[in-house]
Amino acid sequence: RFCANIVDKPSLIIEIYSHTSNQRDNIEKLAEYKTTSSLQFYVTVSSESRLIDVHKRVLSSNKWSTISYTTISYTAMEDEIPILDIKLKMADIYAFVSLA
């Protein structure tokens, strides 16, 4: 039952994108995912630069907000990116990634 909820009622989706899938992931899929009532976070991670977009449903209004994390705007690679009750570090996310 728990596994079925992961597939049928996700609260978090994380996708890695490249320049060829950026438009689809950050525009088309985002619009589609916004209709999934269980979804709280949709996170896109660039495979070409240190860029993470966190799309978050604001539960009180059912609207979405987006925060972009980059090494420029988010200078400390050890700073945490809050997602659900997890705090991810950009350094950990990109630890084994060779950027193009």
PDB file of N, CA and C in Angstrom:
ATOM      1  N   ARG A   1       0.823  -1.197   0.000  1.00  0.00           N
ATOM      2  CA  ARG A   1       0.000   0.000   0.000  1.00  0.00           C
ATOM      3  C   ARG A   1       0.864   1.257   0.000  1.00  0.00           C
ATOM      4  N   PHE A   2       1.907   1.270   0.824  1.00  0.00           N
ATOM      5  CA  PHE A   2       2.798   2.418   0.862  1.00  0.00           C
ATOM      6  C   PHE A   2       3.439   2.662  -0.501  1.00  0.00           C
ATOM      7  N   CYS A   3       3.908   1.611  -1.144  1.00  0.00           N
ATOM      8  CA  CYS A   3       4.547   1.756  -2.459  1.00  0.00           C
ATOM      9  C   CYS A   3       3.570   2.266  -3.508  1.00  0.00           C
ATOM     10  N   ALA A   4       2.330   1.857  -3.420  1.00  0.00           N
ATOM     11  CA  ALA A   4       1.324   2.333  -4.374  1.00  0.00           C
ATOM     12  C   ALA A   4       1.140   3.837  -4.245  1.00  0.00           C
ATOM     13  N   ASN A   5       1.187   4.362  -3.024  1.00  0.00           N
ATOM     14  CA  ASN A   5       1.050   5.805  -2.828  1.00  0.00           C
ATOM     15  C   ASN A   5       2.219   6.572  -3.415  1.00  0.00           C
ATOM     16  N   ILE A   6       3.391   5.965  -3.416  1.00  0.00           N
ATOM     17  CA  ILE A   6       4.553   6.629  -3.998  1.00  0.00           C
ATOM     18  C   ILE A   6       4.328   6.856  -5.487  1.00  0.00           C
ATOM     19  N   VAL A   7       3.788   5.885  -6.164  1.00  0.00           N
ATOM     20  CA  VAL A   7       3.557   5.990  -7.601  1.00  0.00           C
ATOM     21  C   VAL A   7       2.294   6.786  -7.902  1.00  0.00           C
ATOM     22  N   ASP A   8       1.217   6.511  -7.192  1.00  0.00           N
ATOM     23  CA  ASP A   8      -0.075   7.129  -7.494  1.00  0.00           C
ATOM     24  C   ASP A   8      -0.272   8.505  -6.869  1.00  0.00           C
ATOM     25  N   LYS A   9       0.340   8.745  -5.714  1.00  0.00           N
ATOM     26  CA  LYS A   9       0.128  10.001  -4.994  1.00  0.00           C
ATOM     27  C   LYS A   9       1.457  10.567  -4.499  1.00  0.00           C
ATOM     28  N   PRO A  10       2.322  10.956  -5.414  1.00  0.00           N
ATOM     29  CA  PRO A  10       3.638  11.441  -4.983  1.00  0.00           C
ATOM     30  C   PRO A  10       3.536  12.803  -4.301  1.00  0.00           C
ATOM     31  N   SER A  11       4.383  13.035  -3.312  1.00  0.00           N
ATOM     32  CA  SER A  11       4.465  14.358  -2.706  1.00  0.00           C
ATOM     33  C   SER A  11       5.704  15.101  -3.198  1.00  0.00           C
ATOM     34  N   LEU A  12       6.649  14.365  -3.775  1.00  0.00           N
ATOM     35  CA  LEU A  12       7.894  14.946  -4.266  1.00  0.00           C
ATOM     36  C   LEU A  12       8.298  14.259  -5.564  1.00  0.00           C
ATOM     37  N   ILE A  13       8.636  15.076  -6.565  1.00  0.00           N
ATOM     38  CA  ILE A  13       9.209  14.565  -7.814  1.00  0.00           C
ATOM     39  C   ILE A  13      10.488  15.353  -8.060  1.00  0.00           C
ATOM     40  N   ILE A  14      11.580  14.637  -8.318  1.00  0.00           N
ATOM     41  CA  ILE A  14      12.857  15.266  -8.644  1.00  0.00           C
ATOM     42  C   ILE A  14      13.279  14.771 -10.019  1.00  0.00           C
ATOM     43  N   GLU A  15      13.618  15.713 -10.892  1.00  0.00           N
ATOM     44  CA  GLU A  15      14.066  15.343 -12.241  1.00  0.00           C
ATOM     45  C   GLU A  15      15.354  16.074 -12.582  1.00  0.00           C
ATOM     46  N   ILE A  16      16.222  15.374 -13.268  1.00  0.00           N
ATOM     47  CA  ILE A  16      17.461  15.941 -13.790  1.00  0.00           C
ATOM     48  C   ILE A  16      17.198  16.321 -15.242  1.00  0.00           C
ATOM     49  N   TYR A  17      17.600  17.523 -15.625  1.00  0.00           N
ATOM     50  CA  TYR A  17      17.355  17.941 -17.006  1.00  0.00           C
ATOM     51  C   TYR A  17      18.631  18.444 -17.661  1.00  0.00           C
ATOM     52  N   SER A  18      18.629  18.392 -18.986  1.00  0.00           N
ATOM     53  CA  SER A  18      19.716  18.945 -19.793  1.00  0.00           C
ATOM     54  C   SER A  18      19.144  20.097 -20.608  1.00  0.00           C
ATOM     55  N   HIS A  19      19.980  20.729 -21.415  1.00  0.00           N
ATOM     56  CA  HIS A  19      19.474  21.849 -22.216  1.00  0.00           C
ATOM     57  C   HIS A  19      18.387  21.395 -23.189  1.00  0.00           C
ATOM     58  N   THR A  20      18.422  20.130 -23.604  1.00  0.00           N
ATOM     59  CA  THR A  20      17.408  19.657 -24.550  1.00  0.00           C
ATOM     60  C   THR A  20      16.074  19.347 -23.878  1.00  0.00           C
ATOM     61  N   SER A  21      16.078  19.087 -22.584  1.00  0.00           N
ATOM     62  CA  SER A  21      14.815  18.776 -21.900  1.00  0.00           C
ATOM     63  C   SER A  21      14.352  19.885 -20.963  1.00  0.00           C
ATOM     64  N   ASN A  22      15.090  20.977 -20.884  1.00  0.00           N
ATOM     65  CA  ASN A  22      14.760  22.067 -19.966  1.00  0.00           C
ATOM     66  C   ASN A  22      13.345  22.595 -20.168  1.00  0.00           C
ATOM     67  N   GLN A  23      12.986  22.937 -21.385  1.00  0.00           N
ATOM     68  CA  GLN A  23      11.651  23.482 -21.674  1.00  0.00           C
ATOM     69  C   GLN A  23      10.564  22.494 -21.262  1.00  0.00           C
ATOM     70  N   ARG A  24      10.743  21.247 -21.639  1.00  0.00           N
ATOM     71  CA  ARG A  24       9.728  20.240 -21.311  1.00  0.00           C
ATOM     72  C   ARG A  24       9.589  20.056 -19.798  1.00  0.00           C
ATOM     73  N   ASP A  25      10.709  19.947 -19.091  1.00  0.00           N
ATOM     74  CA  ASP A  25      10.654  19.690 -17.655  1.00  0.00           C
ATOM     75  C   ASP A  25      10.162  20.901 -16.862  1.00  0.00           C
ATOM     76  N   ASN A  26      10.658  22.087 -17.186  1.00  0.00           N
ATOM     77  CA  ASN A  26      10.341  23.267 -16.379  1.00  0.00           C
ATOM     78  C   ASN A  26       9.080  24.005 -16.801  1.00  0.00           C
ATOM     79  N   ILE A  27       8.509  23.665 -17.934  1.00  0.00           N
ATOM     80  CA  ILE A  27       7.271  24.326 -18.364  1.00  0.00           C
ATOM     81  C   ILE A  27       6.156  23.308 -18.555  1.00  0.00           C
ATOM     82  N   GLU A  28       6.352  22.378 -19.475  1.00  0.00           N
ATOM     83  CA  GLU A  28       5.277  21.435 -19.808  1.00  0.00           C
ATOM     84  C   GLU A  28       4.979  20.468 -18.663  1.00  0.00           C
ATOM     85  N   LYS A  29       6.012  19.821 -18.135  1.00  0.00           N
ATOM     86  CA  LYS A  29       5.780  18.871 -17.045  1.00  0.00           C
ATOM     87  C   LYS A  29       5.302  19.588 -15.788  1.00  0.00           C
ATOM     88  N   LEU A  30       5.852  20.763 -15.519  1.00  0.00           N
ATOM     89  CA  LEU A  30       5.417  21.520 -14.343  1.00  0.00           C
ATOM     90  C   LEU A  30       3.924  21.798 -14.401  1.00  0.00           C
ATOM     91  N   ALA A  31       3.437  22.240 -15.548  1.00  0.00           N
ATOM     92  CA  ALA A  31       2.000  22.503 -15.699  1.00  0.00           C
ATOM     93  C   ALA A  31       1.187  21.236 -15.459  1.00  0.00           C
ATOM     94  N   GLU A  32       1.680  20.126 -15.966  1.00  0.00           N
ATOM     95  CA  GLU A  32       0.988  18.849 -15.779  1.00  0.00           C
ATOM     96  C   GLU A  32       1.027  18.413 -14.312  1.00  0.00           C
ATOM     97  N   TYR A  33       2.184  18.533 -13.691  1.00  0.00           N
ATOM     98  CA  TYR A  33       2.333  18.097 -12.304  1.00  0.00           C
ATOM     99  C   TYR A  33       1.516  18.955 -11.339  1.00  0.00           C
ATOM    100  N   LYS A  34       1.291  20.211 -11.671  1.00  0.00           N
ATOM    101  CA  LYS A  34       0.498  21.079 -10.791  1.00  0.00           C
ATOM    102  C   LYS A  34      -0.923  20.560 -10.600  1.00  0.00           C
ATOM    103  N   THR A  35      -1.378  19.715 -11.507  1.00  0.00           N
ATOM    104  CA  THR A  35      -2.726  19.153 -11.390  1.00  0.00           C
ATOM    105  C   THR A  35      -2.759  17.908 -10.501  1.00  0.00           C
ATOM    106  N   THR A  36      -1.597  17.445 -10.050  1.00  0.00           N
ATOM    107  CA  THR A  36      -1.518  16.288  -9.154  1.00  0.00           C
ATOM    108  C   THR A  36      -1.711  16.783  -7.728  1.00  0.00           C
ATOM    109  N   SER A  37      -2.861  16.500  -7.154  1.00  0.00           N
ATOM    110  CA  SER A  37      -3.230  17.095  -5.865  1.00  0.00           C
ATOM    111  C   SER A  37      -2.307  16.706  -4.716  1.00  0.00           C
ATOM    112  N   SER A  38      -1.686  15.551  -4.777  1.00  0.00           N
ATOM    113  CA  SER A  38      -0.812  15.116  -3.682  1.00  0.00           C
ATOM    114  C   SER A  38       0.575  15.757  -3.738  1.00  0.00           C
ATOM    115  N   LEU A  39       0.940  16.301  -4.897  1.00  0.00           N
ATOM    116  CA  LEU A  39       2.299  16.804  -5.091  1.00  0.00           C
ATOM    117  C   LEU A  39       2.526  18.092  -4.306  1.00  0.00           C
ATOM    118  N   GLN A  40       3.595  18.110  -3.500  1.00  0.00           N
ATOM    119  CA  GLN A  40       3.970  19.301  -2.744  1.00  0.00           C
ATOM    120  C   GLN A  40       5.197  19.984  -3.328  1.00  0.00           C
ATOM    121  N   PHE A  41       6.106  19.182  -3.899  1.00  0.00           N
ATOM    122  CA  PHE A  41       7.344  19.716  -4.451  1.00  0.00           C
ATOM    123  C   PHE A  41       7.654  19.069  -5.794  1.00  0.00           C
ATOM    124  N   TYR A  42       8.066  19.904  -6.744  1.00  0.00           N
ATOM    125  CA  TYR A  42       8.625  19.427  -8.006  1.00  0.00           C
ATOM    126  C   TYR A  42       9.984  20.104  -8.123  1.00  0.00           C
ATOM    127  N   VAL A  43      11.041  19.316  -8.139  1.00  0.00           N
ATOM    128  CA  VAL A  43      12.400  19.838  -8.123  1.00  0.00           C
ATOM    129  C   VAL A  43      13.087  19.460  -9.426  1.00  0.00           C
ATOM    130  N   THR A  44      13.652  20.460 -10.102  1.00  0.00           N
ATOM    131  CA  THR A  44      14.417  20.189 -11.316  1.00  0.00           C
ATOM    132  C   THR A  44      15.875  20.548 -11.048  1.00  0.00           C
ATOM    133  N   VAL A  45      16.756  19.662 -11.499  1.00  0.00           N
ATOM    134  CA  VAL A  45      18.187  19.801 -11.264  1.00  0.00           C
ATOM    135  C   VAL A  45      18.890  19.821 -12.614  1.00  0.00           C
ATOM    136  N   SER A  46      19.649  20.869 -12.868  1.00  0.00           N
ATOM    137  CA  SER A  46      20.380  20.976 -14.128  1.00  0.00           C
ATOM    138  C   SER A  46      21.573  20.031 -14.128  1.00  0.00           C
ATOM    139  N   SER A  47      21.797  19.385 -15.264  1.00  0.00           N
ATOM    140  CA  SER A  47      22.968  18.518 -15.415  1.00  0.00           C
ATOM    141  C   SER A  47      24.153  19.280 -16.001  1.00  0.00           C
ATOM    142  N   GLU A  48      23.950  20.560 -16.311  1.00  0.00           N
ATOM    143  CA  GLU A  48      24.998  21.325 -16.989  1.00  0.00           C
ATOM    144  C   GLU A  48      25.578  22.461 -16.161  1.00  0.00           C
ATOM    145  N   SER A  49      24.868  22.887 -15.130  1.00  0.00           N
ATOM    146  CA  SER A  49      25.368  23.918 -14.227  1.00  0.00           C
ATOM    147  C   SER A  49      24.732  23.687 -12.867  1.00  0.00           C
ATOM    148  N   ARG A  50      25.259  24.322 -11.859  1.00  0.00           N
ATOM    149  CA  ARG A  50      24.683  24.159 -10.524  1.00  0.00           C
ATOM    150  C   ARG A  50      23.446  25.046 -10.414  1.00  0.00           C
ATOM    151  N   LEU A  51      22.334  24.482 -10.806  1.00  0.00           N
ATOM    152  CA  LEU A  51      21.053  25.184 -10.784  1.00  0.00           C
ATOM    153  C   LEU A  51      19.972  24.199 -10.378  1.00  0.00           C
ATOM    154  N   ILE A  52      19.270  24.541  -9.320  1.00  0.00           N
ATOM    155  CA  ILE A  52      18.177  23.714  -8.820  1.00  0.00           C
ATOM    156  C   ILE A  52      16.961  24.611  -8.649  1.00  0.00           C
ATOM    157  N   ASP A  53      15.859  24.236  -9.281  1.00  0.00           N
ATOM    158  CA  ASP A  53      14.596  24.957  -9.120  1.00  0.00           C
ATOM    159  C   ASP A  53      13.680  24.122  -8.243  1.00  0.00           C
ATOM    160  N   VAL A  54      13.216  24.729  -7.167  1.00  0.00           N
ATOM    161  CA  VAL A  54      12.294  24.059  -6.254  1.00  0.00           C
ATOM    162  C   VAL A  54      10.930  24.714  -6.423  1.00  0.00           C
ATOM    163  N   HIS A  55      10.006  23.976  -7.000  1.00  0.00           N
ATOM    164  CA  HIS A  55       8.629  24.432  -7.179  1.00  0.00           C
ATOM    165  C   HIS A  55       7.833  23.861  -6.012  1.00  0.00           C
ATOM    166  N   LYS A  56       7.199  24.729  -5.238  1.00  0.00           N
ATOM    167  CA  LYS A  56       6.526  24.303  -4.009  1.00  0.00           C
ATOM    168  C   LYS A  56       5.073  24.758  -4.018  1.00  0.00           C
ATOM    169  N   ARG A  57       4.188  23.826  -3.675  1.00  0.00           N
ATOM    170  CA  ARG A  57       2.772  24.160  -3.538  1.00  0.00           C
ATOM    171  C   ARG A  57       2.574  24.850  -2.187  1.00  0.00           C
ATOM    172  N   VAL A  58       1.935  26.014  -2.217  1.00  0.00           N
ATOM    173  CA  VAL A  58       1.579  26.720  -0.987  1.00  0.00           C
ATOM    174  C   VAL A  58       0.218  26.181  -0.571  1.00  0.00           C
ATOM    175  N   LEU A  59       0.215  25.370   0.467  1.00  0.00           N
ATOM    176  CA  LEU A  59      -0.995  24.628   0.826  1.00  0.00           C
ATOM    177  C   LEU A  59      -2.177  25.524   1.166  1.00  0.00           C
ATOM    178  N   SER A  60      -1.928  26.666   1.791  1.00  0.00           N
ATOM    179  CA  SER A  60      -3.038  27.531   2.197  1.00  0.00           C
ATOM    180  C   SER A  60      -3.790  28.123   1.010  1.00  0.00           C
ATOM    181  N   SER A  61      -3.102  28.316  -0.111  1.00  0.00           N
ATOM    182  CA  SER A  61      -3.743  28.931  -1.277  1.00  0.00           C
ATOM    183  C   SER A  61      -3.804  28.001  -2.484  1.00  0.00           C
ATOM    184  N   ASN A  62      -3.118  26.862  -2.405  1.00  0.00           N
ATOM    185  CA  ASN A  62      -3.015  25.913  -3.512  1.00  0.00           C
ATOM    186  C   ASN A  62      -2.331  26.527  -4.739  1.00  0.00           C
ATOM    187  N   LYS A  63      -1.560  27.572  -4.522  1.00  0.00           N
ATOM    188  CA  LYS A  63      -0.762  28.182  -5.588  1.00  0.00           C
ATOM    189  C   LYS A  63       0.663  27.655  -5.467  1.00  0.00           C
ATOM    190  N   TRP A  64       1.467  27.930  -6.472  1.00  0.00           N
ATOM    191  CA  TRP A  64       2.835  27.435  -6.504  1.00  0.00           C
ATOM    192  C   TRP A  64       3.827  28.586  -6.433  1.00  0.00           C
ATOM    193  N   SER A  65       4.929  28.364  -5.752  1.00  0.00           N
ATOM    194  CA  SER A  65       6.033  29.320  -5.736  1.00  0.00           C
ATOM    195  C   SER A  65       7.286  28.586  -6.209  1.00  0.00           C
ATOM    196  N   THR A  66       8.228  29.338  -6.740  1.00  0.00           N
ATOM    197  CA  THR A  66       9.470  28.752  -7.238  1.00  0.00           C
ATOM    198  C   THR A  66      10.652  29.499  -6.648  1.00  0.00           C
ATOM    199  N   ILE A  67      11.614  28.731  -6.161  1.00  0.00           N
ATOM    200  CA  ILE A  67      12.875  29.300  -5.700  1.00  0.00           C
ATOM    201  C   ILE A  67      13.977  28.618  -6.496  1.00  0.00           C
ATOM    202  N   SER A  68      14.863  29.438  -7.074  1.00  0.00           N
ATOM    203  CA  SER A  68      16.000  28.910  -7.824  1.00  0.00           C
ATOM    204  C   SER A  68      17.250  29.023  -6.962  1.00  0.00           C
ATOM    205  N   TYR A  69      17.975  27.929  -6.879  1.00  0.00           N
ATOM    206  CA  TYR A  69      19.225  27.900  -6.137  1.00  0.00           C
ATOM    207  C   TYR A  69      20.362  27.733  -7.130  1.00  0.00           C
ATOM    208  N   THR A  70      21.317  28.662  -7.082  1.00  0.00           N
ATOM    209  CA  THR A  70      22.511  28.583  -7.926  1.00  0.00           C
ATOM    210  C   THR A  70      23.722  28.847  -7.049  1.00  0.00           C
ATOM    211  N   THR A  71      24.894  28.584  -7.570  1.00  0.00           N
ATOM    212  CA  THR A  71      26.095  28.901  -6.799  1.00  0.00           C
ATOM    213  C   THR A  71      26.306  30.405  -6.731  1.00  0.00           C
ATOM    214  N   ILE A  72      25.634  31.156  -7.602  1.00  0.00           N
ATOM    215  CA  ILE A  72      25.748  32.615  -7.563  1.00  0.00           C
ATOM    216  C   ILE A  72      24.819  33.182  -6.494  1.00  0.00           C
ATOM    217  N   SER A  73      23.545  32.793  -6.541  1.00  0.00           N
ATOM    218  CA  SER A  73      22.589  33.328  -5.576  1.00  0.00           C
ATOM    219  C   SER A  73      22.647  32.583  -4.249  1.00  0.00           C
ATOM    220  N   TYR A  74      23.186  31.416  -4.262  1.00  0.00           N
ATOM    221  CA  TYR A  74      23.249  30.562  -3.080  1.00  0.00           C
ATOM    222  C   TYR A  74      24.706  30.203  -2.877  1.00  0.00           C
ATOM    223  N   THR A  75      25.508  31.204  -2.532  1.00  0.00           N
ATOM    224  CA  THR A  75      26.959  31.100  -2.612  1.00  0.00           C
ATOM    225  C   THR A  75      27.576  29.981  -1.790  1.00  0.00           C
ATOM    226  N   ALA A  76      27.048  29.699  -0.632  1.00  0.00           N
ATOM    227  CA  ALA A  76      27.646  28.645   0.190  1.00  0.00           C
ATOM    228  C   ALA A  76      27.126  27.289  -0.262  1.00  0.00           C
ATOM    229  N   MET A  77      28.006  26.489  -0.815  1.00  0.00           N
ATOM    230  CA  MET A  77      27.594  25.170  -1.304  1.00  0.00           C
ATOM    231  C   MET A  77      27.127  24.276  -0.163  1.00  0.00           C
ATOM    232  N   GLU A  78      27.426  24.643   1.063  1.00  0.00           N
ATOM    233  CA  GLU A  78      27.003  23.848   2.213  1.00  0.00           C
ATOM    234  C   GLU A  78      25.650  24.301   2.748  1.00  0.00           C
ATOM    235  N   ASP A  79      25.128  25.406   2.270  1.00  0.00           N
ATOM    236  CA  ASP A  79      23.805  25.839   2.714  1.00  0.00           C
ATOM    237  C   ASP A  79      22.779  24.797   2.318  1.00  0.00           C
ATOM    238  N   GLU A  80      21.730  24.718   3.099  1.00  0.00           N
ATOM    239  CA  GLU A  80      20.738  23.667   2.893  1.00  0.00           C
ATOM    240  C   GLU A  80      19.563  24.150   2.060  1.00  0.00           C
ATOM    241  N   ILE A  81      19.047  23.246   1.250  1.00  0.00           N
ATOM    242  CA  ILE A  81      17.865  23.494   0.438  1.00  0.00           C
ATOM    243  C   ILE A  81      16.735  22.695   1.079  1.00  0.00           C
ATOM    244  N   PRO A  82      15.753  23.376   1.676  1.00  0.00           N
ATOM    245  CA  PRO A  82      14.700  22.643   2.381  1.00  0.00           C
ATOM    246  C   PRO A  82      13.662  22.054   1.423  1.00  0.00           C
ATOM    247  N   ILE A  83      13.462  20.744   1.513  1.00  0.00           N
ATOM    248  CA  ILE A  83      12.444  20.049   0.722  1.00  0.00           C
ATOM    249  C   ILE A  83      11.783  19.046   1.652  1.00  0.00           C
ATOM    250  N   LEU A  84      10.483  19.190   1.840  1.00  0.00           N
ATOM    251  CA  LEU A  84       9.752  18.395   2.820  1.00  0.00           C
ATOM    252  C   LEU A  84      10.455  18.563   4.162  1.00  0.00           C
ATOM    253  N   ASP A  85      10.748  17.499   4.858  1.00  0.00           N
ATOM    254  CA  ASP A  85      11.478  17.590   6.124  1.00  0.00           C
ATOM    255  C   ASP A  85      12.949  17.254   5.941  1.00  0.00           C
ATOM    256  N   ILE A  86      13.402  17.296   4.696  1.00  0.00           N
ATOM    257  CA  ILE A  86      14.782  16.964   4.357  1.00  0.00           C
ATOM    258  C   ILE A  86      15.502  18.263   4.032  1.00  0.00           C
ATOM    259  N   LYS A  87      16.747  18.365   4.434  1.00  0.00           N
ATOM    260  CA  LYS A  87      17.550  19.522   4.059  1.00  0.00           C
ATOM    261  C   LYS A  87      18.701  19.021   3.201  1.00  0.00           C
ATOM    262  N   LEU A  88      18.621  19.299   1.917  1.00  0.00           N
ATOM    263  CA  LEU A  88      19.639  18.855   0.965  1.00  0.00           C
ATOM    264  C   LEU A  88      20.692  19.935   0.789  1.00  0.00           C
ATOM    265  N   LYS A  89      21.929  19.517   0.612  1.00  0.00           N
ATOM    266  CA  LYS A  89      23.003  20.459   0.333  1.00  0.00           C
ATOM    267  C   LYS A  89      23.341  20.377  -1.145  1.00  0.00           C
ATOM    268  N   MET A  90      23.500  21.540  -1.763  1.00  0.00           N
ATOM    269  CA  MET A  90      23.837  21.562  -3.181  1.00  0.00           C
ATOM    270  C   MET A  90      25.132  20.792  -3.423  1.00  0.00           C
ATOM    271  N   ALA A  91      26.075  20.898  -2.508  1.00  0.00           N
ATOM    272  CA  ALA A  91      27.343  20.178  -2.657  1.00  0.00           C
ATOM    273  C   ALA A  91      27.117  18.674  -2.721  1.00  0.00           C
ATOM    274  N   ASP A  92      26.175  18.169  -1.940  1.00  0.00           N
ATOM    275  CA  ASP A  92      25.880  16.732  -1.968  1.00  0.00           C
ATOM    276  C   ASP A  92      25.178  16.331  -3.260  1.00  0.00           C
ATOM    277  N   ILE A  93      24.270  17.167  -3.716  1.00  0.00           N
ATOM    278  CA  ILE A  93      23.528  16.862  -4.939  1.00  0.00           C
ATOM    279  C   ILE A  93      24.479  16.762  -6.130  1.00  0.00           C
ATOM    280  N   TYR A  94      25.461  17.655  -6.183  1.00  0.00           N
ATOM    281  CA  TYR A  94      26.380  17.690  -7.321  1.00  0.00           C
ATOM    282  C   TYR A  94      27.719  16.999  -7.038  1.00  0.00           C
ATOM    283  N   ALA A  95      27.820  16.246  -5.961  1.00  0.00           N
ATOM    284  CA  ALA A  95      29.096  15.642  -5.549  1.00  0.00           C
ATOM    285  C   ALA A  95      29.733  14.775  -6.631  1.00  0.00           C
ATOM    286  N   PHE A  96      28.941  14.022  -7.356  1.00  0.00           N
ATOM    287  CA  PHE A  96      29.498  13.083  -8.339  1.00  0.00           C
ATOM    288  C   PHE A  96      29.110  13.451  -9.769  1.00  0.00           C
ATOM    289  N   VAL A  97      28.818  14.725  -9.984  1.00  0.00           N
ATOM    290  CA  VAL A  97      28.391  15.185 -11.304  1.00  0.00           C
ATOM    291  C   VAL A  97      29.530  15.945 -11.967  1.00  0.00           C
ATOM    292  N   SER A  98      29.871  15.551 -13.182  1.00  0.00           N
ATOM    293  CA  SER A  98      30.826  16.307 -13.988  1.00  0.00           C
ATOM    294  C   SER A  98      30.018  17.227 -14.878  1.00  0.00           C
ATOM    295  N   LEU A  99      30.046  18.502 -14.573  1.00  0.00           N
ATOM    296  CA  LEU A  99      29.247  19.457 -15.335  1.00  0.00           C
ATOM    297  C   LEU A  99      29.854  19.677 -16.711  1.00  0.00           C
ATOM    298  N   ALA A 100      28.978  19.851 -17.696  1.00  0.00           N
ATOM    299  CA  ALA A 100      29.424  20.051 -19.080  1.00  0.00           C
ATOM    300  C   ALA A 100      30.055  21.409 -19.253  1.00  0.00           C
TER     301      ALA A 100
END
